[in-house]
Amino acid sequence: MSQEIVSASIGAIPYRVTLSEGAHQWFGDAPQSLGGGESGPSPHQLLLSALGACTAITVSMYARRKELPLTGLDVELFISAEQLTPPALTQIERRVTLHGELDAAQRQRLLEIANACPIHKLLSGEIRIDTQLQG
């Protein structure tokens, strides 16, 4: 796996985070109810967007490679349960709507492919975060 580095920086604007990976730049922010300016998605929304984008890309790539009649898809995601005290547990609901003249077997296979997207696998496994202070 190639190492993908994302940087996050915060400055004078309360809770507005500038995120970048070199070629692209985007923002994250806290909701107004928490003192943010809502100038970008919240951290939870950024996490869900990663899963949604990966799902859509993975399913689309598979359908194109297999020449399936998928004309598009929509992915809706939300966190339905979040327990932060040990043992931590988060439940993400993901609803996929497939567009095109697909039969039942094709639809079932695309659901299996959605569950095999790399971010789904990453989030479904154990995650360890090693945090170090720099400088």
C-alpha atoms as a PDB file:
ATOM      1  CA  MET A   1       0.000   0.000   0.000  1.00  0.00           C
ATOM      2  CA  SER A   2       1.326   3.432  -0.886  1.00  0.00           C
ATOM      3  CA  GLN A   3       1.644   5.876   1.975  1.00  0.00           C
ATOM      4  CA  GLU A   4      -0.989   8.576   1.678  1.00  0.00           C
ATOM      5  CA  ILE A   5      -0.279  11.628   3.806  1.00  0.00           C
ATOM      6  CA  VAL A   6      -2.937  14.165   4.737  1.00  0.00           C
ATOM      7  CA  SER A   7      -2.049  17.286   6.705  1.00  0.00           C
ATOM      8  CA  ALA A   8      -4.421  19.158   9.020  1.00  0.00           C
ATOM      9  CA  SER A   9      -3.719  22.700  10.240  1.00  0.00           C
ATOM     10  CA  ILE A  10      -5.744  25.074  12.375  1.00  0.00           C
ATOM     11  CA  GLY A  11      -5.129  28.804  12.652  1.00  0.00           C
ATOM     12  CA  ALA A  12      -6.934  31.904  13.878  1.00  0.00           C
ATOM     13  CA  ILE A  13     -10.457  30.953  12.721  1.00  0.00           C
ATOM     14  CA  PRO A  14     -11.950  28.908  15.583  1.00  0.00           C
ATOM     15  CA  TYR A  15     -12.224  25.198  14.721  1.00  0.00           C
ATOM     16  CA  ARG A  16     -11.734  25.641  10.961  1.00  0.00           C
ATOM     17  CA  VAL A  17      -9.184  23.076   9.830  1.00  0.00           C
ATOM     18  CA  THR A  18      -7.348  23.254   6.525  1.00  0.00           C
ATOM     19  CA  LEU A  19      -6.741  19.763   5.168  1.00  0.00           C
ATOM     20  CA  SER A  20      -4.440  18.952   2.273  1.00  0.00           C
ATOM     21  CA  GLU A  21      -2.552  16.150   0.611  1.00  0.00           C
ATOM     22  CA  GLY A  22      -0.427  18.232  -1.716  1.00  0.00           C
ATOM     23  CA  ALA A  23      -2.505  18.592  -4.870  1.00  0.00           C
ATOM     24  CA  HIS A  24      -5.846  19.200  -3.134  1.00  0.00           C
ATOM     25  CA  GLN A  25      -7.025  21.345  -0.259  1.00  0.00           C
ATOM     26  CA  TRP A  26     -10.330  21.222   1.638  1.00  0.00           C
ATOM     27  CA  PHE A  27     -11.767  22.315   4.975  1.00  0.00           C
ATOM     28  CA  GLY A  28     -13.255  20.729   8.043  1.00  0.00           C
ATOM     29  CA  ASP A  29     -15.100  22.642  10.730  1.00  0.00           C
ATOM     30  CA  ALA A  30     -17.215  22.203  13.819  1.00  0.00           C
ATOM     31  CA  PRO A  31     -20.950  22.890  13.789  1.00  0.00           C
ATOM     32  CA  GLN A  32     -22.119  26.309  14.977  1.00  0.00           C
ATOM     33  CA  SER A  33     -23.646  24.638  18.031  1.00  0.00           C
ATOM     34  CA  LEU A  34     -20.081  23.773  19.141  1.00  0.00           C
ATOM     35  CA  GLY A  35     -18.595  27.170  18.302  1.00  0.00           C
ATOM     36  CA  GLY A  36     -17.528  26.467  14.735  1.00  0.00           C
ATOM     37  CA  GLY A  37     -18.428  28.317  11.591  1.00  0.00           C
ATOM     38  CA  GLU A  38     -19.666  25.335   9.554  1.00  0.00           C
ATOM     39  CA  SER A  39     -17.305  26.332   6.717  1.00  0.00           C
ATOM     40  CA  GLY A  40     -16.746  22.671   5.927  1.00  0.00           C
ATOM     41  CA  PRO A  41     -17.884  19.199   6.904  1.00  0.00           C
ATOM     42  CA  SER A  42     -17.517  18.036  10.501  1.00  0.00           C
ATOM     43  CA  PRO A  43     -14.950  15.322  11.296  1.00  0.00           C
ATOM     44  CA  HIS A  44     -17.770  12.747  11.416  1.00  0.00           C
ATOM     45  CA  GLN A  45     -18.997  13.862   7.989  1.00  0.00           C
ATOM     46  CA  LEU A  46     -15.472  13.635   6.596  1.00  0.00           C
ATOM     47  CA  LEU A  47     -15.196  10.061   7.860  1.00  0.00           C
ATOM     48  CA  LEU A  48     -18.562   9.123   6.338  1.00  0.00           C
ATOM     49  CA  SER A  49     -17.638  10.837   3.057  1.00  0.00           C
ATOM     50  CA  ALA A  50     -14.497   8.682   2.804  1.00  0.00           C
ATOM     51  CA  LEU A  51     -16.618   5.537   3.104  1.00  0.00           C
ATOM     52  CA  GLY A  52     -19.222   6.876   0.681  1.00  0.00           C
ATOM     53  CA  ALA A  53     -16.652   7.869  -1.932  1.00  0.00           C
ATOM     54  CA  CYS A  54     -14.822   4.556  -1.648  1.00  0.00           C
ATOM     55  CA  THR A  55     -18.085   2.600  -1.944  1.00  0.00           C
ATOM     56  CA  ALA A  56     -19.206   4.526  -5.030  1.00  0.00           C
ATOM     57  CA  ILE A  57     -15.804   4.293  -6.737  1.00  0.00           C
ATOM     58  CA  THR A  58     -15.310   0.584  -5.969  1.00  0.00           C
ATOM     59  CA  VAL A  59     -18.786  -0.426  -7.154  1.00  0.00           C
ATOM     60  CA  SER A  60     -18.523   1.742 -10.280  1.00  0.00           C
ATOM     61  CA  MET A  61     -15.088   0.337 -11.199  1.00  0.00           C
ATOM     62  CA  TYR A  62     -16.319  -3.231 -10.791  1.00  0.00           C
ATOM     63  CA  ALA A  63     -19.477  -2.629 -12.818  1.00  0.00           C
ATOM     64  CA  ARG A  64     -17.510  -0.981 -15.620  1.00  0.00           C
ATOM     65  CA  ARG A  65     -14.925  -3.783 -15.685  1.00  0.00           C
ATOM     66  CA  LYS A  66     -17.659  -6.433 -15.812  1.00  0.00           C
ATOM     67  CA  GLU A  67     -19.717  -4.381 -18.306  1.00  0.00           C
ATOM     68  CA  LEU A  68     -22.769  -4.353 -16.031  1.00  0.00           C
ATOM     69  CA  PRO A  69     -25.600  -1.943 -16.900  1.00  0.00           C
ATOM     70  CA  LEU A  70     -25.010   0.274 -13.855  1.00  0.00           C
ATOM     71  CA  THR A  71     -25.800   3.871 -14.827  1.00  0.00           C
ATOM     72  CA  GLY A  72     -25.090   5.387 -11.427  1.00  0.00           C
ATOM     73  CA  LEU A  73     -25.419   4.873  -7.707  1.00  0.00           C
ATOM     74  CA  ASP A  74     -26.182   6.859  -4.591  1.00  0.00           C
ATOM     75  CA  VAL A  75     -24.739   6.160  -1.168  1.00  0.00           C
ATOM     76  CA  GLU A  76     -26.296   7.612   1.986  1.00  0.00           C
ATOM     77  CA  LEU A  77     -24.467   7.205   5.282  1.00  0.00           C
ATOM     78  CA  PHE A  78     -25.067   8.131   8.881  1.00  0.00           C
ATOM     79  CA  ILE A  79     -23.854   7.143  12.319  1.00  0.00           C
ATOM     80  CA  SER A  80     -26.761   5.437  14.046  1.00  0.00           C
ATOM     81  CA  ALA A  81     -24.999   4.593  17.317  1.00  0.00           C
ATOM     82  CA  GLU A  82     -21.815   5.800  18.932  1.00  0.00           C
ATOM     83  CA  GLN A  83     -20.464   4.577  22.246  1.00  0.00           C
ATOM     84  CA  LEU A  84     -17.189   6.255  23.167  1.00  0.00           C
ATOM     85  CA  THR A  85     -16.632   4.615  26.551  1.00  0.00           C
ATOM     86  CA  PRO A  86     -14.796   1.276  26.498  1.00  0.00           C
ATOM     87  CA  PRO A  87     -15.520  -0.895  24.723  1.00  0.00           C
ATOM     88  CA  ALA A  88     -15.944   1.754  22.023  1.00  0.00           C
ATOM     89  CA  LEU A  89     -18.486   0.872  19.361  1.00  0.00           C
ATOM     90  CA  THR A  90     -19.765   2.794  16.378  1.00  0.00           C
ATOM     91  CA  GLN A  91     -22.604   1.709  14.097  1.00  0.00           C
ATOM     92  CA  ILE A  92     -22.592   3.203  10.588  1.00  0.00           C
ATOM     93  CA  GLU A  93     -25.650   2.772   8.410  1.00  0.00           C
ATOM     94  CA  ARG A  94     -24.933   2.743   4.673  1.00  0.00           C
ATOM     95  CA  ARG A  95     -27.736   2.730   2.120  1.00  0.00           C
ATOM     96  CA  VAL A  96     -26.804   2.080  -1.498  1.00  0.00           C
ATOM     97  CA  THR A  97     -29.197   2.806  -4.371  1.00  0.00           C
ATOM     98  CA  LEU A  98     -28.168   1.247  -7.673  1.00  0.00           C
ATOM     99  CA  HIS A  99     -29.379   2.741 -10.965  1.00  0.00           C
ATOM    100  CA  GLY A 100     -29.676   0.827 -14.229  1.00  0.00           C
ATOM    101  CA  GLU A 101     -31.279  -2.307 -15.633  1.00  0.00           C
ATOM    102  CA  LEU A 102     -29.664  -4.740 -13.194  1.00  0.00           C
ATOM    103  CA  ASP A 103     -31.049  -8.183 -12.395  1.00  0.00           C
ATOM    104  CA  ALA A 104     -31.225  -9.565  -8.844  1.00  0.00           C
ATOM    105  CA  ALA A 105     -27.920 -11.461  -9.144  1.00  0.00           C
ATOM    106  CA  GLN A 106     -26.087  -8.376 -10.419  1.00  0.00           C
ATOM    107  CA  ARG A 107     -27.541  -6.241  -7.641  1.00  0.00           C
ATOM    108  CA  GLN A 108     -26.477  -8.812  -5.017  1.00  0.00           C
ATOM    109  CA  ARG A 109     -22.951  -8.975  -6.454  1.00  0.00           C
ATOM    110  CA  LEU A 110     -22.647  -5.180  -6.382  1.00  0.00           C
ATOM    111  CA  LEU A 111     -23.698  -5.209  -2.716  1.00  0.00           C
ATOM    112  CA  GLU A 112     -20.901  -7.710  -2.032  1.00  0.00           C
ATOM    113  CA  ILE A 113     -18.463  -5.442  -3.874  1.00  0.00           C
ATOM    114  CA  ALA A 114     -19.638  -2.452  -1.788  1.00  0.00           C
ATOM    115  CA  ASN A 115     -18.762  -4.426   1.340  1.00  0.00           C
ATOM    116  CA  ALA A 116     -15.291  -5.116  -0.090  1.00  0.00           C
ATOM    117  CA  CYS A 117     -14.278  -1.501  -0.663  1.00  0.00           C
ATOM    118  CA  PRO A 118     -10.928  -0.689   0.987  1.00  0.00           C
ATOM    119  CA  ILE A 119     -12.298   1.918   3.433  1.00  0.00           C
ATOM    120  CA  HIS A 120     -15.057  -0.487   4.535  1.00  0.00           C
ATOM    121  CA  LYS A 121     -12.390  -3.099   5.241  1.00  0.00           C
ATOM    122  CA  LEU A 122     -10.241  -0.549   7.076  1.00  0.00           C
ATOM    123  CA  LEU A 123     -13.118   0.656   9.262  1.00  0.00           C
ATOM    124  CA  SER A 124     -14.353  -2.893   9.938  1.00  0.00           C
ATOM    125  CA  GLY A 125     -11.022  -4.064  11.303  1.00  0.00           C
ATOM    126  CA  GLU A 126      -9.138  -3.091  14.406  1.00  0.00           C
ATOM    127  CA  ILE A 127      -7.619   0.364  14.099  1.00  0.00           C
ATOM    128  CA  ARG A 128      -4.626   1.472  16.122  1.00  0.00           C
ATOM    129  CA  ILE A 129      -3.484   5.084  16.092  1.00  0.00           C
ATOM    130  CA  ASP A 130       0.087   5.921  17.056  1.00  0.00           C
ATOM    131  CA  THR A 131       0.259   9.613  18.026  1.00  0.00           C
ATOM    132  CA  GLN A 132       3.604  11.389  18.433  1.00  0.00           C
ATOM    133  CA  LEU A 133       4.466  14.985  19.191  1.00  0.00           C
ATOM    134  CA  GLN A 134       6.701  16.646  16.601  1.00  0.00           C
ATOM    135  CA  GLY A 135       9.066  19.512  17.328  1.00  0.00           C
END
